[in-house]
Amino acid sequence: MKKNVILCTCILLLSALLLGFLQMLLVPKYMSVSRDGALIGEYYNERPDHDVLFIGDCEVYECFTPPTLWQEYGITSYVRGSAQQLIWQSYYLLEDALRYETPDVVVFNVLAVKYGEPQNEAYNRMTLDGMRWSGSKIDAIRASMTEEESFLSYVFPLLRFHSRWSELSGEDLQYLFHRDRVSHNGYLMQTAISPKTSDREGTPLADYTLPEIGFEYLEKMRLLCEEKGIELVLVKAPTNNWKYYWYDEWDAQIADYAREAGVDYYNFIPLADEIGLDWSTDTYDGGIHLNVYGAEKLTSYFGELLCREYGLESRADEAELQKLWSEKLAVYNEEKKRGN
């Protein structure tokens, strides 16, 4: 009887280890392909001591460079961005981050307010799988799932990725037990140059009303920041390609909300010239996103605003931070020099 119990226990343990190994092998690694899928998980390896947290979609993780904020202003920051990050995901990522730290300022990019319902499982995975388990992650999954998804597949990703056998490569073995860092405090560097060649406007819409759920989560975000004594700042990155157009009607609704809620909102689209952006050199995809050269200009401009309007002071005289950011800047500058 005792031997049977031991045997069953060993079989269960071996089965659990095998399933765990298969899950680690089959889940996407996001190292050389779709690197933005690695961004959310990288946050937990950082020292949780940031003056500024950026929250949002690709318009934050490709437009704001924490190394620039440190080098020019002595401000520590992190970008908790991910591809097509929906506003409820932004809220729960902020809620999650505030378990570890309390920044002075939270910056949210408003593009995602245009989405009123779950969009795409692949993008959901790139945001949600990297989160540590907590009540915030559970709530984010429930708010984000499409009709075809199941909660259990997020608990056990093997259920979702069991058919990836045909896609496995050497990278899946190389990164079985570890991941390389792909970002610079959440900023995903792009060094290529592909000029913006068209000033075409977006296709007219039948209805410009932004979904109510977007404003509900904006308000939840505002209240959470207010509770923690954090300044919430809304921004719209200065990218406006016709394929991803920011309509004046949308902008007016965000501005109205900001005014009524008593928060600041900065639309950087009309400030592109003041920022110093050159659409022939400062974008890598025709004006949809900024490359590193444009992102540094925007970050430099925004850093001055953060110091002037929100009283952020340089921490460059803190020895531990000096050492940490000296190392970060060396890695950042090397990647920028090398290109990608």
C-alpha atoms as a PDB file:
ATOM      1  CA  MET A   1       0.000   0.000   0.000  1.00  0.00           C
ATOM      2  CA  LYS A   2       2.759   2.413   0.992  1.00  0.00           C
ATOM      3  CA  LYS A   3       4.733   1.541  -2.159  1.00  0.00           C
ATOM      4  CA  ASN A   4       1.673   2.264  -4.315  1.00  0.00           C
ATOM      5  CA  VAL A   5       1.251   5.698  -2.699  1.00  0.00           C
ATOM      6  CA  ILE A   6       4.937   6.506  -3.309  1.00  0.00           C
ATOM      7  CA  LEU A   7       4.684   5.262  -6.904  1.00  0.00           C
ATOM      8  CA  CYS A   8       1.559   7.348  -7.597  1.00  0.00           C
ATOM      9  CA  THR A   9       3.182  10.403  -6.035  1.00  0.00           C
ATOM     10  CA  CYS A  10       6.287   9.974  -8.192  1.00  0.00           C
ATOM     11  CA  ILE A  11       4.188   9.551 -11.332  1.00  0.00           C
ATOM     12  CA  LEU A  12       2.214  12.713 -10.516  1.00  0.00           C
ATOM     13  CA  LEU A  13       5.390  14.690  -9.844  1.00  0.00           C
ATOM     14  CA  LEU A  14       7.040  13.472 -13.050  1.00  0.00           C
ATOM     15  CA  SER A  15       3.894  14.273 -15.031  1.00  0.00           C
ATOM     16  CA  ALA A  16       3.764  17.775 -13.557  1.00  0.00           C
ATOM     17  CA  LEU A  17       7.452  18.315 -14.370  1.00  0.00           C
ATOM     18  CA  LEU A  18       6.950  17.064 -17.926  1.00  0.00           C
ATOM     19  CA  LEU A  19       3.925  19.291 -18.486  1.00  0.00           C
ATOM     20  CA  GLY A  20       5.815  22.239 -17.005  1.00  0.00           C
ATOM     21  CA  PHE A  21       8.751  21.584 -19.310  1.00  0.00           C
ATOM     22  CA  LEU A  22       6.486  21.293 -22.361  1.00  0.00           C
ATOM     23  CA  GLN A  23       4.770  24.534 -21.446  1.00  0.00           C
ATOM     24  CA  MET A  24       8.092  26.358 -21.110  1.00  0.00           C
ATOM     25  CA  LEU A  25       9.185  24.931 -24.462  1.00  0.00           C
ATOM     26  CA  LEU A  26       6.027  25.741 -26.402  1.00  0.00           C
ATOM     27  CA  VAL A  27       5.119  29.245 -25.213  1.00  0.00           C
ATOM     28  CA  PRO A  28       6.427  32.005 -27.536  1.00  0.00           C
ATOM     29  CA  LYS A  29       9.740  33.515 -26.451  1.00  0.00           C
ATOM     30  CA  TYR A  30       9.418  36.967 -28.156  1.00  0.00           C
ATOM     31  CA  MET A  31      13.153  37.377 -28.566  1.00  0.00           C
ATOM     32  CA  SER A  32      13.903  37.848 -32.276  1.00  0.00           C
ATOM     33  CA  VAL A  33      10.287  37.939 -33.482  1.00  0.00           C
ATOM     34  CA  SER A  34       7.554  40.142 -31.963  1.00  0.00           C
ATOM     35  CA  ARG A  35       9.940  41.460 -29.318  1.00  0.00           C
ATOM     36  CA  ASP A  36       7.205  43.660 -27.898  1.00  0.00           C
ATOM     37  CA  GLY A  37       5.704  40.498 -26.425  1.00  0.00           C
ATOM     38  CA  ALA A  38       8.595  40.408 -23.928  1.00  0.00           C
ATOM     39  CA  LEU A  39       8.056  43.924 -22.584  1.00  0.00           C
ATOM     40  CA  ILE A  40       5.513  43.354 -19.827  1.00  0.00           C
ATOM     41  CA  GLY A  41       7.503  40.640 -18.077  1.00  0.00           C
ATOM     42  CA  GLU A  42      10.726  42.659 -18.061  1.00  0.00           C
ATOM     43  CA  TYR A  43       9.287  45.168 -15.596  1.00  0.00           C
ATOM     44  CA  TYR A  44       9.575  42.730 -12.696  1.00  0.00           C
ATOM     45  CA  ASN A  45      13.357  42.538 -13.086  1.00  0.00           C
ATOM     46  CA  GLU A  46      13.758  46.273 -12.504  1.00  0.00           C
ATOM     47  CA  ARG A  47      14.429  48.242  -9.355  1.00  0.00           C
ATOM     48  CA  PRO A  48      10.949  49.585  -8.444  1.00  0.00           C
ATOM     49  CA  ASP A  49      11.922  53.199  -7.878  1.00  0.00           C
ATOM     50  CA  HIS A  50      10.695  55.335 -10.748  1.00  0.00           C
ATOM     51  CA  ASP A  51       9.662  58.970 -10.721  1.00  0.00           C
ATOM     52  CA  VAL A  52       7.518  58.459 -13.815  1.00  0.00           C
ATOM     53  CA  LEU A  53       5.580  55.480 -15.167  1.00  0.00           C
ATOM     54  CA  PHE A  54       4.369  55.485 -18.778  1.00  0.00           C
ATOM     55  CA  ILE A  55       1.347  53.289 -19.496  1.00  0.00           C
ATOM     56  CA  GLY A  56      -0.100  52.435 -22.885  1.00  0.00           C
ATOM     57  CA  ASP A  57       0.370  50.940 -26.313  1.00  0.00           C
ATOM     58  CA  CYS A  58       3.136  51.128 -28.921  1.00  0.00           C
ATOM     59  CA  GLU A  59       2.928  54.911 -28.865  1.00  0.00           C
ATOM     60  CA  VAL A  60       4.606  54.908 -25.464  1.00  0.00           C
ATOM     61  CA  TYR A  61       7.122  52.099 -25.819  1.00  0.00           C
ATOM     62  CA  GLU A  62       8.393  53.505 -29.116  1.00  0.00           C
ATOM     63  CA  CYS A  63       8.100  57.236 -28.368  1.00  0.00           C
ATOM     64  CA  PHE A  64       9.469  57.807 -24.847  1.00  0.00           C
ATOM     65  CA  THR A  65      13.037  56.866 -23.914  1.00  0.00           C
ATOM     66  CA  PRO A  66      13.839  56.521 -20.189  1.00  0.00           C
ATOM     67  CA  PRO A  67      17.611  56.761 -20.834  1.00  0.00           C
ATOM     68  CA  THR A  68      17.059  60.238 -22.286  1.00  0.00           C
ATOM     69  CA  LEU A  69      15.011  61.348 -19.266  1.00  0.00           C
ATOM     70  CA  TRP A  70      17.823  60.236 -16.988  1.00  0.00           C
ATOM     71  CA  GLN A  71      20.687  61.637 -19.038  1.00  0.00           C
ATOM     72  CA  GLU A  72      19.129  65.068 -19.538  1.00  0.00           C
ATOM     73  CA  TYR A  73      17.026  65.532 -16.387  1.00  0.00           C
ATOM     74  CA  GLY A  74      18.058  62.934 -13.810  1.00  0.00           C
ATOM     75  CA  ILE A  75      14.504  61.507 -13.878  1.00  0.00           C
ATOM     76  CA  THR A  76      14.000  57.772 -13.410  1.00  0.00           C
ATOM     77  CA  SER A  77      11.207  56.238 -15.461  1.00  0.00           C
ATOM     78  CA  TYR A  78       9.775  53.044 -16.878  1.00  0.00           C
ATOM     79  CA  VAL A  79       7.455  52.296 -19.787  1.00  0.00           C
ATOM     80  CA  ARG A  80       4.819  49.644 -19.071  1.00  0.00           C
ATOM     81  CA  GLY A  81       3.765  49.414 -22.679  1.00  0.00           C
ATOM     82  CA  SER A  82       2.642  46.585 -24.944  1.00  0.00           C
ATOM     83  CA  ALA A  83       1.261  46.129 -28.441  1.00  0.00           C
ATOM     84  CA  GLN A  84      -2.349  47.322 -28.823  1.00  0.00           C
ATOM     85  CA  GLN A  85      -2.653  47.679 -25.062  1.00  0.00           C
ATOM     86  CA  LEU A  86      -6.340  48.279 -24.373  1.00  0.00           C
ATOM     87  CA  ILE A  87      -7.349  50.832 -21.757  1.00  0.00           C
ATOM     88  CA  TRP A  88      -8.620  48.275 -19.240  1.00  0.00           C
ATOM     89  CA  GLN A  89      -5.307  46.461 -19.607  1.00  0.00           C
ATOM     90  CA  SER A  90      -3.525  49.760 -18.954  1.00  0.00           C
ATOM     91  CA  TYR A  91      -5.572  50.253 -15.813  1.00  0.00           C
ATOM     92  CA  TYR A  92      -4.806  46.809 -14.427  1.00  0.00           C
ATOM     93  CA  LEU A  93      -1.120  47.107 -15.367  1.00  0.00           C
ATOM     94  CA  LEU A  94      -1.034  50.370 -13.440  1.00  0.00           C
ATOM     95  CA  GLU A  95      -2.801  48.728 -10.521  1.00  0.00           C
ATOM     96  CA  ASP A  96      -0.231  45.938 -10.683  1.00  0.00           C
ATOM     97  CA  ALA A  97       2.731  48.334 -10.826  1.00  0.00           C
ATOM     98  CA  LEU A  98       1.482  50.244  -7.783  1.00  0.00           C
ATOM     99  CA  ARG A  99       1.899  47.059  -5.761  1.00  0.00           C
ATOM    100  CA  TYR A 100       5.657  47.613  -6.129  1.00  0.00           C
ATOM    101  CA  GLU A 101       6.141  51.375  -6.274  1.00  0.00           C
ATOM    102  CA  THR A 102       4.486  54.786  -6.135  1.00  0.00           C
ATOM    103  CA  PRO A 103       5.774  57.143  -8.834  1.00  0.00           C
ATOM    104  CA  ASP A 104       5.246  60.890  -8.767  1.00  0.00           C
ATOM    105  CA  VAL A 105       3.678  60.954 -12.225  1.00  0.00           C
ATOM    106  CA  VAL A 106       1.788  58.427 -14.354  1.00  0.00           C
ATOM    107  CA  VAL A 107       1.598  59.178 -18.077  1.00  0.00           C
ATOM    108  CA  PHE A 108      -1.121  57.494 -20.134  1.00  0.00           C
ATOM    109  CA  ASN A 109      -1.283  57.635 -23.936  1.00  0.00           C
ATOM    110  CA  VAL A 110      -4.937  58.003 -24.961  1.00  0.00           C
ATOM    111  CA  LEU A 111      -5.004  56.223 -28.341  1.00  0.00           C
ATOM    112  CA  ALA A 112      -6.556  53.085 -26.816  1.00  0.00           C
ATOM    113  CA  VAL A 113      -9.651  54.994 -25.679  1.00  0.00           C
ATOM    114  CA  LYS A 114     -11.027  54.387 -29.177  1.00  0.00           C
ATOM    115  CA  TYR A 115     -11.479  50.665 -28.452  1.00  0.00           C
ATOM    116  CA  GLY A 116     -14.685  49.610 -26.693  1.00  0.00           C
ATOM    117  CA  GLU A 117     -14.335  45.834 -26.637  1.00  0.00           C
ATOM    118  CA  PRO A 118     -11.729  43.049 -26.704  1.00  0.00           C
ATOM    119  CA  GLN A 119      -9.847  42.953 -30.002  1.00  0.00           C
ATOM    120  CA  ASN A 120      -7.329  40.213 -30.623  1.00  0.00           C
ATOM    121  CA  GLU A 121      -6.076  37.172 -28.736  1.00  0.00           C
ATOM    122  CA  ALA A 122      -2.499  37.478 -30.005  1.00  0.00           C
ATOM    123  CA  TYR A 123      -2.207  41.012 -28.631  1.00  0.00           C
ATOM    124  CA  ASN A 124      -3.956  39.969 -25.431  1.00  0.00           C
ATOM    125  CA  ARG A 125      -1.297  37.324 -24.932  1.00  0.00           C
ATOM    126  CA  MET A 126       1.529  39.799 -25.486  1.00  0.00           C
ATOM    127  CA  THR A 127       0.154  41.928 -22.655  1.00  0.00           C
ATOM    128  CA  LEU A 128      -1.344  39.452 -20.222  1.00  0.00           C
ATOM    129  CA  ASP A 129       0.972  36.432 -20.260  1.00  0.00           C
ATOM    130  CA  GLY A 130       3.876  38.540 -18.997  1.00  0.00           C
ATOM    131  CA  MET A 131       1.991  39.798 -15.926  1.00  0.00           C
ATOM    132  CA  ARG A 132       2.665  38.176 -12.581  1.00  0.00           C
ATOM    133  CA  TRP A 133      -0.313  36.454 -11.057  1.00  0.00           C
ATOM    134  CA  SER A 134      -2.399  38.738  -8.883  1.00  0.00           C
ATOM    135  CA  GLY A 135      -5.942  39.984  -8.614  1.00  0.00           C
ATOM    136  CA  SER A 136      -5.010  42.623 -11.203  1.00  0.00           C
ATOM    137  CA  LYS A 137      -3.995  39.971 -13.732  1.00  0.00           C
ATOM    138  CA  ILE A 138      -7.166  37.979 -13.136  1.00  0.00           C
ATOM    139  CA  ASP A 139      -9.314  41.067 -13.654  1.00  0.00           C
ATOM    140  CA  ALA A 140      -7.314  42.041 -16.758  1.00  0.00           C
ATOM    141  CA  ILE A 141      -7.797  38.604 -18.310  1.00  0.00           C
ATOM    142  CA  ARG A 142     -11.531  38.607 -17.649  1.00  0.00           C
ATOM    143  CA  ALA A 143     -11.908  42.078 -19.136  1.00  0.00           C
ATOM    144  CA  SER A 144      -9.808  41.250 -22.205  1.00  0.00           C
ATOM    145  CA  MET A 145     -10.836  37.784 -23.399  1.00  0.00           C
ATOM    146  CA  THR A 146     -12.457  37.451 -26.789  1.00  0.00           C
ATOM    147  CA  GLU A 147     -15.386  35.035 -27.142  1.00  0.00           C
ATOM    148  CA  GLU A 148     -13.068  32.306 -28.446  1.00  0.00           C
ATOM    149  CA  GLU A 149     -10.708  32.454 -25.459  1.00  0.00           C
ATOM    150  CA  SER A 150     -10.888  30.635 -22.139  1.00  0.00           C
ATOM    151  CA  PHE A 151      -9.605  31.753 -18.750  1.00  0.00           C
ATOM    152  CA  LEU A 152      -8.066  28.324 -18.170  1.00  0.00           C
ATOM    153  CA  SER A 153      -5.737  28.782 -21.148  1.00  0.00           C
ATOM    154  CA  TYR A 154      -4.171  31.770 -19.365  1.00  0.00           C
ATOM    155  CA  VAL A 155      -3.684  29.699 -16.204  1.00  0.00           C
ATOM    156  CA  PHE A 156      -2.150  26.888 -18.277  1.00  0.00           C
ATOM    157  CA  PRO A 157      -0.749  28.416 -21.502  1.00  0.00           C
ATOM    158  CA  LEU A 158       0.085  24.888 -22.695  1.00  0.00           C
ATOM    159  CA  LEU A 159      -3.616  24.537 -23.537  1.00  0.00           C
ATOM    160  CA  ARG A 160      -3.232  27.406 -25.995  1.00  0.00           C
ATOM    161  CA  PHE A 161       0.207  26.706 -27.426  1.00  0.00           C
ATOM    162  CA  HIS A 162       0.252  22.887 -27.498  1.00  0.00           C
ATOM    163  CA  SER A 163       0.125  22.956 -31.323  1.00  0.00           C
ATOM    164  CA  ARG A 164       3.315  25.069 -31.733  1.00  0.00           C
ATOM    165  CA  TRP A 165       5.422  21.970 -32.409  1.00  0.00           C
ATOM    166  CA  SER A 166       5.775  22.819 -36.089  1.00  0.00           C
ATOM    167  CA  GLU A 167       6.934  26.363 -35.256  1.00  0.00           C
ATOM    168  CA  LEU A 168       9.667  25.427 -32.781  1.00  0.00           C
ATOM    169  CA  SER A 169      13.152  26.686 -33.542  1.00  0.00           C
ATOM    170  CA  GLY A 170      16.545  26.858 -31.907  1.00  0.00           C
ATOM    171  CA  GLU A 171      15.386  30.008 -30.163  1.00  0.00           C
ATOM    172  CA  ASP A 172      12.836  28.014 -28.163  1.00  0.00           C
ATOM    173  CA  LEU A 173      15.647  25.911 -26.718  1.00  0.00           C
ATOM    174  CA  GLN A 174      18.042  28.828 -26.309  1.00  0.00           C
ATOM    175  CA  TYR A 175      15.544  30.768 -24.224  1.00  0.00           C
ATOM    176  CA  LEU A 176      13.931  27.858 -22.445  1.00  0.00           C
ATOM    177  CA  PHE A 177      15.112  28.959 -19.007  1.00  0.00           C
ATOM    178  CA  HIS A 178      15.940  32.633 -19.485  1.00  0.00           C
ATOM    179  CA  ARG A 179      15.182  35.664 -21.634  1.00  0.00           C
ATOM    180  CA  ASP A 180      17.493  38.365 -22.917  1.00  0.00           C
ATOM    181  CA  ARG A 181      16.515  41.951 -22.188  1.00  0.00           C
ATOM    182  CA  VAL A 182      14.969  43.520 -25.298  1.00  0.00           C
ATOM    183  CA  SER A 183      14.066  46.972 -23.982  1.00  0.00           C
ATOM    184  CA  HIS A 184      15.566  49.934 -22.185  1.00  0.00           C
ATOM    185  CA  ASN A 185      13.278  50.327 -19.173  1.00  0.00           C
ATOM    186  CA  GLY A 186      10.379  49.390 -21.417  1.00  0.00           C
ATOM    187  CA  TYR A 187      11.474  51.437 -24.437  1.00  0.00           C
ATOM    188  CA  LEU A 188      11.833  49.293 -27.576  1.00  0.00           C
ATOM    189  CA  MET A 189      14.451  50.921 -29.774  1.00  0.00           C
ATOM    190  CA  GLN A 190      14.016  51.338 -33.515  1.00  0.00           C
ATOM    191  CA  THR A 191      16.922  52.815 -35.489  1.00  0.00           C
ATOM    192  CA  ALA A 192      15.658  52.401 -39.065  1.00  0.00           C
ATOM    193  CA  ILE A 193      14.517  55.406 -41.100  1.00  0.00           C
ATOM    194  CA  SER A 194      11.485  55.282 -43.386  1.00  0.00           C
ATOM    195  CA  PRO A 195      10.123  58.781 -44.097  1.00  0.00           C
ATOM    196  CA  LYS A 196       6.525  59.849 -43.928  1.00  0.00           C
ATOM    197  CA  THR A 197       5.521  60.444 -47.553  1.00  0.00           C
ATOM    198  CA  SER A 198       1.831  61.301 -47.275  1.00  0.00           C
ATOM    199  CA  ASP A 199      -0.232  63.821 -45.331  1.00  0.00           C
ATOM    200  CA  ARG A 200      -3.421  61.971 -46.181  1.00  0.00           C
ATOM    201  CA  GLU A 201      -6.080  62.246 -43.501  1.00  0.00           C
ATOM    202  CA  GLY A 202      -7.990  59.356 -42.009  1.00  0.00           C
ATOM    203  CA  THR A 203     -11.114  57.939 -43.608  1.00  0.00           C
ATOM    204  CA  PRO A 204     -14.223  59.790 -42.362  1.00  0.00           C
ATOM    205  CA  LEU A 205     -16.229  57.890 -39.739  1.00  0.00           C
ATOM    206  CA  ALA A 206     -19.980  57.510 -39.448  1.00  0.00           C
ATOM    207  CA  ASP A 207     -19.771  58.117 -35.704  1.00  0.00           C
ATOM    208  CA  TYR A 208     -16.912  59.774 -33.833  1.00  0.00           C
ATOM    209  CA  THR A 209     -18.254  59.031 -30.352  1.00  0.00           C
ATOM    210  CA  LEU A 210     -15.583  57.350 -28.248  1.00  0.00           C
ATOM    211  CA  PRO A 211     -16.786  54.260 -26.316  1.00  0.00           C
ATOM    212  CA  GLU A 212     -18.088  54.970 -22.821  1.00  0.00           C
ATOM    213  CA  ILE A 213     -15.981  52.182 -21.348  1.00  0.00           C
ATOM    214  CA  GLY A 214     -12.867  54.141 -22.260  1.00  0.00           C
ATOM    215  CA  PHE A 215     -13.920  57.056 -20.087  1.00  0.00           C
ATOM    216  CA  GLU A 216     -14.960  54.685 -17.307  1.00  0.00           C
ATOM    217  CA  TYR A 217     -11.426  53.306 -17.160  1.00  0.00           C
ATOM    218  CA  LEU A 218      -9.897  56.757 -17.503  1.00  0.00           C
ATOM    219  CA  GLU A 219     -11.854  57.738 -14.415  1.00  0.00           C
ATOM    220  CA  LYS A 220     -10.780  54.573 -12.580  1.00  0.00           C
ATOM    221  CA  MET A 221      -7.200  55.423 -13.464  1.00  0.00           C
ATOM    222  CA  ARG A 222      -7.630  58.995 -12.244  1.00  0.00           C
ATOM    223  CA  LEU A 223      -9.163  57.876  -8.947  1.00  0.00           C
ATOM    224  CA  LEU A 224      -6.431  55.295  -8.375  1.00  0.00           C
ATOM    225  CA  CYS A 225      -3.752  57.926  -8.934  1.00  0.00           C
ATOM    226  CA  GLU A 226      -5.583  60.394  -6.693  1.00  0.00           C
ATOM    227  CA  GLU A 227      -5.774  57.787  -3.930  1.00  0.00           C
ATOM    228  CA  LYS A 228      -2.012  57.219  -4.159  1.00  0.00           C
ATOM    229  CA  GLY A 229      -1.115  60.903  -4.427  1.00  0.00           C
ATOM    230  CA  ILE A 230       0.114  60.505  -8.014  1.00  0.00           C
ATOM    231  CA  GLU A 231      -0.232  63.077 -10.786  1.00  0.00           C
ATOM    232  CA  LEU A 232      -2.008  61.585 -13.821  1.00  0.00           C
ATOM    233  CA  VAL A 233      -1.029  63.089 -17.177  1.00  0.00           C
ATOM    234  CA  LEU A 234      -2.771  62.203 -20.446  1.00  0.00           C
ATOM    235  CA  VAL A 235      -0.849  62.440 -23.722  1.00  0.00           C
ATOM    236  CA  LYS A 236      -1.288  61.716 -27.408  1.00  0.00           C
ATOM    237  CA  ALA A 237       1.989  60.836 -29.090  1.00  0.00           C
ATOM    238  CA  PRO A 238       2.823  62.934 -32.162  1.00  0.00           C
ATOM    239  CA  THR A 239       2.259  60.119 -34.684  1.00  0.00           C
ATOM    240  CA  ASN A 240      -0.688  60.409 -37.022  1.00  0.00           C
ATOM    241  CA  ASN A 241      -0.382  58.266 -40.142  1.00  0.00           C
ATOM    242  CA  TRP A 242      -3.690  57.977 -42.010  1.00  0.00           C
ATOM    243  CA  LYS A 243      -3.879  54.263 -41.196  1.00  0.00           C
ATOM    244  CA  TYR A 244      -3.881  55.062 -37.466  1.00  0.00           C
ATOM    245  CA  TYR A 245      -5.429  58.493 -37.520  1.00  0.00           C
ATOM    246  CA  TRP A 246      -6.255  60.618 -34.482  1.00  0.00           C
ATOM    247  CA  TYR A 247      -9.398  62.559 -35.333  1.00  0.00           C
ATOM    248  CA  ASP A 248     -10.061  66.077 -34.066  1.00  0.00           C
ATOM    249  CA  GLU A 249     -13.444  64.859 -32.811  1.00  0.00           C
ATOM    250  CA  TRP A 250     -11.735  62.251 -30.627  1.00  0.00           C
ATOM    251  CA  ASP A 251      -9.264  64.817 -29.400  1.00  0.00           C
ATOM    252  CA  ALA A 252     -12.061  67.171 -28.343  1.00  0.00           C
ATOM    253  CA  GLN A 253     -13.711  64.442 -26.266  1.00  0.00           C
ATOM    254  CA  ILE A 254     -10.467  63.667 -24.446  1.00  0.00           C
ATOM    255  CA  ALA A 255      -9.850  67.363 -23.858  1.00  0.00           C
ATOM    256  CA  ASP A 256     -13.375  67.751 -22.444  1.00  0.00           C
ATOM    257  CA  TYR A 257     -12.856  64.818 -20.088  1.00  0.00           C
ATOM    258  CA  ALA A 258      -9.470  66.154 -18.936  1.00  0.00           C
ATOM    259  CA  ARG A 259     -10.897  69.596 -18.251  1.00  0.00           C
ATOM    260  CA  GLU A 260     -13.855  68.224 -16.266  1.00  0.00           C
ATOM    261  CA  ALA A 261     -11.683  65.729 -14.356  1.00  0.00           C
ATOM    262  CA  GLY A 262      -8.969  68.263 -13.578  1.00  0.00           C
ATOM    263  CA  VAL A 263      -6.109  66.396 -15.252  1.00  0.00           C
ATOM    264  CA  ASP A 264      -3.644  67.650 -17.847  1.00  0.00           C
ATOM    265  CA  TYR A 265      -3.811  66.487 -21.455  1.00  0.00           C
ATOM    266  CA  TYR A 266      -1.099  67.124 -24.032  1.00  0.00           C
ATOM    267  CA  ASN A 267      -1.727  66.390 -27.700  1.00  0.00           C
ATOM    268  CA  PHE A 268       1.743  66.407 -29.247  1.00  0.00           C
ATOM    269  CA  ILE A 269       0.525  66.073 -32.856  1.00  0.00           C
ATOM    270  CA  PRO A 270       0.219  69.847 -33.471  1.00  0.00           C
ATOM    271  CA  LEU A 271       3.466  70.410 -31.537  1.00  0.00           C
ATOM    272  CA  ALA A 272       5.633  68.311 -33.862  1.00  0.00           C
ATOM    273  CA  ASP A 273       7.482  71.358 -35.239  1.00  0.00           C
ATOM    274  CA  GLU A 274       8.012  72.819 -31.770  1.00  0.00           C
ATOM    275  CA  ILE A 275       9.377  69.471 -30.610  1.00  0.00           C
ATOM    276  CA  GLY A 276      11.719  69.509 -33.583  1.00  0.00           C
ATOM    277  CA  LEU A 277      10.454  66.383 -35.324  1.00  0.00           C
ATOM    278  CA  ASP A 278      11.503  65.832 -38.912  1.00  0.00           C
ATOM    279  CA  TRP A 279       9.199  63.327 -40.611  1.00  0.00           C
ATOM    280  CA  SER A 280      11.862  62.532 -43.190  1.00  0.00           C
ATOM    281  CA  THR A 281      14.279  61.189 -40.553  1.00  0.00           C
ATOM    282  CA  ASP A 282      12.443  60.632 -37.243  1.00  0.00           C
ATOM    283  CA  THR A 283      10.114  57.729 -38.109  1.00  0.00           C
ATOM    284  CA  TYR A 284      10.895  54.154 -39.077  1.00  0.00           C
ATOM    285  CA  ASP A 285       7.546  53.287 -40.674  1.00  0.00           C
ATOM    286  CA  GLY A 286       6.184  56.246 -42.579  1.00  0.00           C
ATOM    287  CA  GLY A 287       4.983  58.252 -39.611  1.00  0.00           C
ATOM    288  CA  ILE A 288       3.096  55.556 -37.701  1.00  0.00           C
ATOM    289  CA  HIS A 289       5.763  55.443 -34.972  1.00  0.00           C
ATOM    290  CA  LEU A 290       8.891  57.375 -34.056  1.00  0.00           C
ATOM    291  CA  ASN A 291      12.353  55.897 -34.377  1.00  0.00           C
ATOM    292  CA  VAL A 292      14.978  56.493 -31.697  1.00  0.00           C
ATOM    293  CA  TYR A 293      15.959  59.870 -33.137  1.00  0.00           C
ATOM    294  CA  GLY A 294      12.392  61.151 -32.973  1.00  0.00           C
ATOM    295  CA  ALA A 295      11.743  59.519 -29.607  1.00  0.00           C
ATOM    296  CA  GLU A 296      14.738  61.274 -28.075  1.00  0.00           C
ATOM    297  CA  LYS A 297      13.430  64.644 -29.310  1.00  0.00           C
ATOM    298  CA  LEU A 298       9.962  64.009 -27.884  1.00  0.00           C
ATOM    299  CA  THR A 299      11.371  62.743 -24.585  1.00  0.00           C
ATOM    300  CA  SER A 300      13.671  65.737 -24.239  1.00  0.00           C
ATOM    301  CA  TYR A 301      10.725  68.082 -24.829  1.00  0.00           C
ATOM    302  CA  PHE A 302       8.497  66.187 -22.401  1.00  0.00           C
ATOM    303  CA  GLY A 303      11.205  65.978 -19.741  1.00  0.00           C
ATOM    304  CA  GLU A 304      11.446  69.754 -19.586  1.00  0.00           C
ATOM    305  CA  LEU A 305       7.659  69.886 -19.178  1.00  0.00           C
ATOM    306  CA  LEU A 306       7.761  67.294 -16.373  1.00  0.00           C
ATOM    307  CA  CYS A 307      10.307  69.358 -14.451  1.00  0.00           C
ATOM    308  CA  ARG A 308       8.549  72.667 -15.018  1.00  0.00           C
ATOM    309  CA  GLU A 309       4.932  71.646 -14.465  1.00  0.00           C
ATOM    310  CA  TYR A 310       5.203  68.778 -11.967  1.00  0.00           C
ATOM    311  CA  GLY A 311       8.235  69.723  -9.920  1.00  0.00           C
ATOM    312  CA  LEU A 312      10.329  66.662 -10.702  1.00  0.00           C
ATOM    313  CA  GLU A 313      13.913  67.192  -9.589  1.00  0.00           C
ATOM    314  CA  SER A 314      17.117  65.600 -10.771  1.00  0.00           C
ATOM    315  CA  ARG A 315      18.346  62.559  -8.849  1.00  0.00           C
ATOM    316  CA  ALA A 316      21.649  62.464 -10.714  1.00  0.00           C
ATOM    317  CA  ASP A 317      23.563  63.003  -7.460  1.00  0.00           C
ATOM    318  CA  GLU A 318      22.377  59.672  -5.995  1.00  0.00           C
ATOM    319  CA  ALA A 319      25.408  57.410  -6.264  1.00  0.00           C
ATOM    320  CA  GLU A 320      23.512  54.144  -6.602  1.00  0.00           C
ATOM    321  CA  LEU A 321      21.332  55.538  -9.370  1.00  0.00           C
ATOM    322  CA  GLN A 322      24.370  57.044 -11.103  1.00  0.00           C
ATOM    323  CA  LYS A 323      25.989  53.626 -11.281  1.00  0.00           C
ATOM    324  CA  LEU A 324      22.804  51.876 -12.392  1.00  0.00           C
ATOM    325  CA  TRP A 325      21.994  54.360 -15.146  1.00  0.00           C
ATOM    326  CA  SER A 326      25.566  54.612 -16.332  1.00  0.00           C
ATOM    327  CA  GLU A 327      25.333  50.918 -17.136  1.00  0.00           C
ATOM    328  CA  LYS A 328      21.924  51.333 -18.753  1.00  0.00           C
ATOM    329  CA  LEU A 329      23.117  54.216 -20.910  1.00  0.00           C
ATOM    330  CA  ALA A 330      26.120  52.230 -22.092  1.00  0.00           C
ATOM    331  CA  VAL A 331      23.840  49.420 -23.304  1.00  0.00           C
ATOM    332  CA  TYR A 332      21.415  51.914 -24.854  1.00  0.00           C
ATOM    333  CA  ASN A 333      24.121  53.829 -26.718  1.00  0.00           C
ATOM    334  CA  GLU A 334      25.732  50.612 -27.953  1.00  0.00           C
ATOM    335  CA  GLU A 335      22.448  49.376 -29.463  1.00  0.00           C
ATOM    336  CA  LYS A 336      21.806  52.785 -31.003  1.00  0.00           C
ATOM    337  CA  LYS A 337      25.305  52.787 -32.545  1.00  0.00           C
ATOM    338  CA  ARG A 338      24.954  49.225 -33.781  1.00  0.00           C
ATOM    339  CA  GLY A 339      21.454  49.686 -35.188  1.00  0.00           C
ATOM    340  CA  ASN A 340      18.766  47.037 -35.405  1.00  0.00           C
END
